[in-house]
Every structure is written in C-alpha cells, then in structure tokens.
Amino acid sequence: MTASSGTSDATATATAAPREAPRAAAPIGVLVVDDDFMVARVHRAFVERVEPFRVVGVAGTGEQALAAVAELRPDLVLLDLYLPDVFGLDVIPRLRAAGHDCDVMVISAAREADAVRGAVRHGVVDYLLKPFEFEDLRIRLERYAVQRGRLLGTVVRSQADVDRVLAGAAAQAAPAPALPKGMSVETAGLVERVLREAEGTLSASECAALTGFSRVSARRYLEHFHTVGSAEVSLRYGAAGRPERRYRFRGAVTGPALRPAGRP
C-alpha cells in the first residue's frame, strides 16, 4: 500500500509540474553612433521601444564607435555618416579588419548618391535618412530582425536554400507601397488573393462577383494594383461598346505587407 501511495504521489507531482514557458526572442544589441547627443538620445529611446532590441551603448565619434564595438560586441550599429573625426563609412572597413561582424544600418542626413552607393558596397543592411519618425525606424528594425533570424536559422543543403535566403533579403529591401486613402488592407488582401488565384485574366465584374464587393470597388483596387506594378492590364474588344479591361497578377509581393496611407 505504501509503495503504491508513493508511486501515486510521484505521478501526481509530475502531472502537476507546470509547462515550460516559451522562450522569448534573444535580445539584439544595438550601438548608437551619432555626434549630436540629443539626437543619439532620441534614437536610443526609439530603439528601446522595439522588441527585442536593446541599446548597449552610445558613441559620438568614429574612434569611440570602434572602441565600443570591441568592448560591447553589439549585433547592430546605427551609424551616422557625418562624424567629427572620420566619415562614417570609413568606420566599416576598420570594423571588418578588426574581425567584428556586426551589422550596420546607416542613419544620416547624407543624401548624396555617392554616399548611398558607398553604403551599399560596404554591405549596410539599411539606409535611413534624417529626419525621420519612430515608425520609419521601427519598420526597418523589425525587417532586420526577421532577416537576421532567417540567416541565423538557415541550414544550407542545396542551392535552393541559398536562393531562399537571398530572395528573402530582396523581398525585405523595400516596404510595400501605401494604399490610397479610403482603401482597407483587408479588402486589398482579398482582391489580391482572387487576382492571384485567377486562371488567366480577370475583369472588374468577375472580381466583384468573386469577392462580394461592388464592381466600382473591385475596379478601384485592381487599378491600384496596376498602378503599383502588381498587375498588368489588357483590353478585350467586344462587338460593340468600350473594350473590357482585364487584369493579370504579375507576382509582386503585397498581401499582408500592404499598409494603409500614412504608415511607413
């Protein structure tokens, strides 16, 4: 009886043990580099509002940035280009020469084409022009976090794995175009899905029948997809009257990435 009771107690204890909580995303350490301490303070506050990013330090010069990277080992450096001692892009090859593999996102007022081309050649993950709003930085940080997670979790067994990673990077490179005022993300997503799944071309009337929207509404969304390059238009001529406009999906990425006007 005693042994049986002990077994029952052990079983009950094991059953009552709480499940392990899901792991939170690993923090992404960020170094903010800007010679204006007030601007750096704003950037730091912006970054701290986006999970799972954490600011590990702030630097005001190129030399301070190099020393901070060596000491703090951040995952990402937010790099201004107009620094008092060196041009910001010149910091990047010095980081690589010292063996640091942190990613770099340029945040600068530098609008010169040479600066942008130089940043691309140095492999920056993004380039954000000052001044900007919190949402402008948020969307880029979240996009970076997704791509970083994809790269860290990739196991390359074939060329297809490489292509998938590179295609993901290309898709993350530019945000989806904003929807015109008065359009909704939900309706646009439904119209897009119908357009994607159509065999051949689709007219506004056919789209309206498939979605339950009015012909006028369906055509408005179809014309938007044509304007942003997601759909192509052809004309079908009948016996009389105006030619019918027909739409074919071109394969551009929209869907859940569609955003309403005013959102970066």
Protein backbone atom coordinates (compact mmCIF):
# COMPACT_ATOMS: atom_id res chain seq x y z
CA MET A 1 0.00 0.00 0.00
CA THR A 2 2.80 2.35 0.95
CA ALA A 3 4.73 1.77 -2.28
CA SER A 4 1.55 2.23 -4.29
CA SER A 5 0.84 5.50 -2.49
CA GLY A 6 4.36 6.75 -3.17
CA THR A 7 4.01 5.98 -6.85
CA SER A 8 0.71 7.82 -6.99
CA ASP A 9 2.23 10.83 -5.26
CA ALA A 10 5.14 10.88 -7.70
CA THR A 11 2.75 10.64 -10.63
CA ALA A 12 0.62 13.46 -9.28
CA THR A 13 3.66 15.62 -8.73
CA ALA A 14 4.89 15.02 -12.26
CA THR A 15 1.45 15.77 -13.67
CA ALA A 16 1.19 19.00 -11.71
CA ALA A 17 4.56 20.29 -12.94
CA PRO A 18 3.99 23.48 -15.00
CA ARG A 19 4.84 23.51 -18.67
CA GLU A 20 7.97 25.30 -19.70
CA ALA A 21 7.17 28.83 -20.87
CA PRO A 22 8.00 29.64 -24.50
CA ARG A 23 11.36 31.28 -24.93
CA ALA A 24 11.44 34.99 -25.66
CA ALA A 25 13.38 36.20 -28.68
CA ALA A 26 17.06 36.72 -27.92
CA PRO A 27 17.90 40.41 -27.41
CA ILE A 28 19.57 42.21 -30.33
CA GLY A 29 22.25 44.54 -29.01
CA VAL A 30 22.49 47.95 -30.67
CA LEU A 31 25.21 50.59 -30.63
CA VAL A 32 24.01 54.11 -31.48
CA VAL A 33 26.65 56.27 -33.18
CA ASP A 34 25.86 59.99 -33.55
CA ASP A 35 27.88 63.08 -32.66
CA ASP A 36 24.77 65.02 -31.52
CA PHE A 37 24.00 63.73 -28.03
CA MET A 38 20.38 64.89 -28.20
CA VAL A 39 19.82 63.04 -31.47
CA ALA A 40 21.55 59.98 -30.04
CA ARG A 41 19.21 60.14 -27.03
CA VAL A 42 16.16 60.19 -29.30
CA HIS A 43 17.49 57.29 -31.38
CA ARG A 44 18.17 55.33 -28.22
CA ALA A 45 14.62 55.89 -26.99
CA PHE A 46 13.21 54.81 -30.36
CA VAL A 47 15.25 51.60 -30.40
CA GLU A 48 14.28 50.67 -26.85
CA ARG A 49 10.60 50.74 -27.90
CA VAL A 50 11.10 47.92 -30.41
CA GLU A 51 11.41 44.32 -29.22
CA PRO A 52 13.81 42.53 -28.96
CA PHE A 53 16.30 45.39 -29.47
CA ARG A 54 18.41 46.71 -26.60
CA VAL A 55 20.82 49.64 -26.76
CA VAL A 56 24.15 48.52 -25.31
CA GLY A 57 26.00 51.79 -25.80
CA VAL A 58 26.28 55.20 -27.46
CA ALA A 59 29.30 56.67 -29.29
CA GLY A 60 29.87 60.19 -30.61
CA THR A 61 32.89 59.69 -32.88
CA GLY A 62 34.30 57.08 -35.22
CA GLU A 63 37.08 56.19 -32.79
CA GLN A 64 34.61 55.84 -29.94
CA ALA A 65 32.47 53.59 -32.14
CA LEU A 66 35.41 51.30 -32.88
CA ALA A 67 36.29 51.06 -29.20
CA ALA A 68 32.66 50.48 -28.20
CA VAL A 69 32.20 47.67 -30.71
CA ALA A 70 35.33 45.97 -29.44
CA GLU A 71 34.13 46.23 -25.84
CA LEU A 72 30.35 45.77 -26.14
CA ARG A 73 30.09 43.42 -29.15
CA PRO A 74 26.76 44.76 -30.49
CA ASP A 75 24.78 42.89 -33.12
CA LEU A 76 23.81 46.08 -34.95
CA VAL A 77 25.38 49.53 -35.27
CA LEU A 78 23.19 52.54 -36.11
CA LEU A 79 25.81 54.66 -37.85
CA ASP A 80 25.70 58.37 -38.63
CA LEU A 81 27.98 59.40 -41.51
CA TYR A 82 28.84 62.97 -40.51
CA LEU A 83 31.13 62.27 -37.57
CA PRO A 84 33.66 64.83 -36.24
CA ASP A 85 36.77 62.68 -36.76
CA VAL A 86 36.04 60.39 -39.74
CA PHE A 87 33.40 59.86 -42.41
CA GLY A 88 31.05 57.19 -41.10
CA LEU A 89 31.51 54.77 -43.99
CA ASP A 90 35.25 54.67 -43.26
CA VAL A 91 34.43 53.05 -39.92
CA ILE A 92 33.01 49.94 -41.57
CA PRO A 93 36.20 48.54 -43.20
CA ARG A 94 38.06 49.18 -39.94
CA LEU A 95 35.43 47.13 -38.10
CA ARG A 96 35.86 44.29 -40.56
CA ALA A 97 39.66 44.48 -40.40
CA ALA A 98 39.42 44.14 -36.62
CA GLY A 99 37.32 41.00 -37.04
CA HIS A 100 33.94 42.44 -36.00
CA ASP A 101 30.96 41.03 -37.92
CA CYS A 102 28.23 43.30 -36.52
CA ASP A 103 25.66 44.57 -39.00
CA VAL A 104 25.48 48.28 -39.84
CA MET A 105 22.43 50.42 -40.53
CA VAL A 106 23.18 53.94 -41.74
CA ILE A 107 21.11 56.73 -40.16
CA SER A 108 22.21 60.01 -41.66
CA ALA A 109 21.24 63.23 -43.40
CA ALA A 110 23.68 62.35 -46.19
CA ARG A 111 21.62 62.38 -49.40
CA GLU A 112 24.49 62.22 -51.88
CA ALA A 113 24.26 59.34 -54.34
CA ASP A 114 27.93 58.52 -53.69
CA ALA A 115 27.20 58.04 -50.00
CA VAL A 116 24.30 55.69 -50.74
CA ARG A 117 26.35 53.72 -53.29
CA GLY A 118 29.25 53.52 -50.85
CA ALA A 119 26.94 52.24 -48.12
CA VAL A 120 25.64 49.52 -50.43
CA ARG A 121 29.19 48.49 -51.36
CA HIS A 122 30.06 48.23 -47.67
CA GLY A 123 27.10 45.91 -47.11
CA VAL A 124 24.89 48.00 -44.85
CA VAL A 125 21.55 46.39 -44.01
CA ASP A 126 19.56 49.61 -44.45
CA TYR A 127 19.89 53.36 -45.02
CA LEU A 128 17.52 55.76 -43.26
CA LEU A 129 17.53 59.48 -43.97
CA LYS A 130 17.20 62.06 -41.21
CA PRO A 131 14.86 63.44 -40.07
CA PHE A 132 12.50 60.53 -39.57
CA GLU A 133 9.66 59.39 -37.33
CA PHE A 134 9.65 56.47 -34.92
CA GLU A 135 7.58 54.36 -37.34
CA ASP A 136 10.25 54.80 -40.04
CA LEU A 137 12.86 53.24 -37.78
CA ARG A 138 10.53 50.66 -36.28
CA ILE A 139 9.66 49.07 -39.62
CA ARG A 140 13.35 48.83 -40.56
CA LEU A 141 14.36 47.32 -37.24
CA GLU A 142 11.60 44.73 -37.41
CA ARG A 143 12.52 43.92 -41.01
CA TYR A 144 16.14 43.49 -39.96
CA ALA A 145 15.17 41.23 -37.05
CA VAL A 146 13.22 38.94 -39.39
CA GLN A 147 16.03 38.69 -41.91
CA ARG A 148 18.63 38.18 -39.17
CA GLY A 149 16.60 35.34 -37.70
CA ARG A 150 16.26 33.77 -41.14
CA LEU A 151 20.02 33.92 -41.72
CA LEU A 152 20.90 32.56 -38.28
CA GLY A 153 18.46 29.66 -38.68
CA THR A 154 19.40 28.69 -42.22
CA VAL A 155 20.91 25.31 -42.93
CA VAL A 156 22.34 25.23 -46.45
CA ARG A 157 21.94 21.84 -48.08
CA SER A 158 21.47 22.96 -51.65
CA GLN A 159 21.37 25.94 -53.98
CA ALA A 160 17.65 26.22 -53.23
CA ASP A 161 18.45 27.07 -49.61
CA VAL A 162 20.82 29.83 -50.73
CA ASP A 163 18.26 31.18 -53.19
CA ARG A 164 15.58 31.21 -50.49
CA VAL A 165 17.73 33.31 -48.16
CA LEU A 166 18.75 35.75 -50.88
CA ALA A 167 15.17 36.04 -52.13
CA GLY A 168 14.09 36.83 -48.58
CA ALA A 169 16.67 39.59 -48.35
CA ALA A 170 15.47 41.09 -51.62
CA ALA A 171 11.85 40.95 -50.52
CA GLN A 172 12.74 42.76 -47.29
CA ALA A 173 14.58 45.51 -49.13
CA ALA A 174 11.61 47.74 -49.84
CA PRO A 175 8.36 48.29 -47.97
CA ALA A 176 5.11 47.69 -49.80
CA PRO A 177 3.52 50.76 -51.39
CA ALA A 178 0.95 52.57 -49.28
CA LEU A 179 -2.73 52.15 -50.03
CA PRO A 180 -4.55 55.30 -51.16
CA LYS A 181 -6.80 56.97 -48.61
CA GLY A 182 -10.10 55.18 -48.21
CA MET A 183 -8.77 51.71 -49.08
CA SER A 184 -8.51 48.99 -46.46
CA VAL A 185 -5.79 46.38 -46.05
CA GLU A 186 -8.39 43.63 -45.60
CA THR A 187 -10.23 44.41 -48.83
CA ALA A 188 -6.99 44.81 -50.77
CA GLY A 189 -5.80 41.45 -49.47
CA LEU A 190 -8.98 39.73 -50.59
CA VAL A 191 -8.91 41.30 -54.07
CA GLU A 192 -5.26 40.38 -54.40
CA ARG A 193 -5.91 36.76 -53.44
CA VAL A 194 -8.67 36.48 -56.03
CA LEU A 195 -6.38 38.04 -58.63
CA ARG A 196 -3.55 35.66 -57.72
CA GLU A 197 -5.75 32.59 -57.98
CA ALA A 198 -7.45 33.56 -61.22
CA GLU A 199 -6.74 31.38 -64.23
CA GLY A 200 -5.66 33.86 -66.85
CA THR A 201 -7.12 37.37 -66.64
CA LEU A 202 -9.90 38.80 -64.51
CA SER A 203 -12.36 41.64 -65.16
CA ALA A 204 -13.68 44.03 -62.51
CA SER A 205 -17.13 42.43 -62.83
CA GLU A 206 -15.72 38.94 -62.31
CA CYS A 207 -13.68 40.13 -59.34
CA ALA A 208 -16.77 41.76 -57.84
CA ALA A 209 -18.72 38.50 -58.19
CA LEU A 210 -15.94 36.51 -56.51
CA THR A 211 -15.38 38.93 -53.62
CA GLY A 212 -18.89 40.21 -52.99
CA PHE A 213 -17.85 43.83 -53.50
CA SER A 214 -19.35 46.27 -55.95
CA ARG A 215 -17.87 46.44 -59.45
CA VAL A 216 -16.73 50.02 -58.75
CA SER A 217 -14.86 48.97 -55.59
CA ALA A 218 -13.30 45.94 -57.25
CA ARG A 219 -12.07 48.03 -60.15
CA ARG A 220 -10.59 50.64 -57.81
CA TYR A 221 -8.44 48.04 -56.06
CA LEU A 222 -7.50 46.36 -59.35
CA GLU A 223 -6.42 49.71 -60.75
CA HIS A 224 -4.33 50.32 -57.63
CA PHE A 225 -2.51 47.02 -58.16
CA HIS A 226 -1.92 48.04 -61.76
CA THR A 227 -0.56 51.44 -60.66
CA VAL A 228 1.97 49.92 -58.24
CA GLY A 229 3.06 47.27 -60.74
CA SER A 230 1.43 44.23 -59.13
CA ALA A 231 -0.99 43.68 -62.01
CA GLU A 232 -0.91 44.14 -65.77
CA VAL A 233 -3.88 45.25 -67.86
CA SER A 234 -5.03 44.03 -71.25
CA LEU A 235 -8.05 45.08 -73.29
CA ARG A 236 -10.68 42.71 -74.64
CA TYR A 237 -12.70 44.11 -77.52
CA GLY A 238 -16.31 43.02 -77.99
CA ALA A 239 -18.77 43.52 -80.80
CA ALA A 240 -19.73 46.99 -79.55
CA GLY A 241 -19.03 49.47 -76.77
CA ARG A 242 -15.89 50.09 -74.78
CA PRO A 243 -13.19 47.44 -74.56
CA GLU A 244 -13.17 45.48 -71.32
CA ARG A 245 -10.18 45.98 -69.05
CA ARG A 246 -8.79 42.67 -67.80
CA TYR A 247 -6.20 42.21 -65.07
CA ARG A 248 -3.47 39.62 -64.53
CA PHE A 249 -1.37 39.26 -61.39
CA ARG A 250 2.32 39.92 -62.06
CA GLY A 251 3.78 38.33 -58.93
CA ALA A 252 4.84 41.35 -56.90
CA VAL A 253 4.82 40.89 -53.12
CA THR A 254 1.88 42.62 -51.43
CA GLY A 255 -0.77 40.73 -49.44
CA PRO A 256 -0.17 41.02 -45.68
CA ALA A 257 2.57 43.56 -46.34
CA LEU A 258 0.05 46.11 -47.66
CA ARG A 259 -0.16 49.10 -45.40
CA PRO A 260 -2.61 51.99 -45.17
CA ALA A 261 -1.59 55.51 -46.21
CA GLY A 262 0.48 57.32 -43.60
CA ARG A 263 2.23 54.16 -42.34
CA PRO A 264 5.88 53.68 -43.42
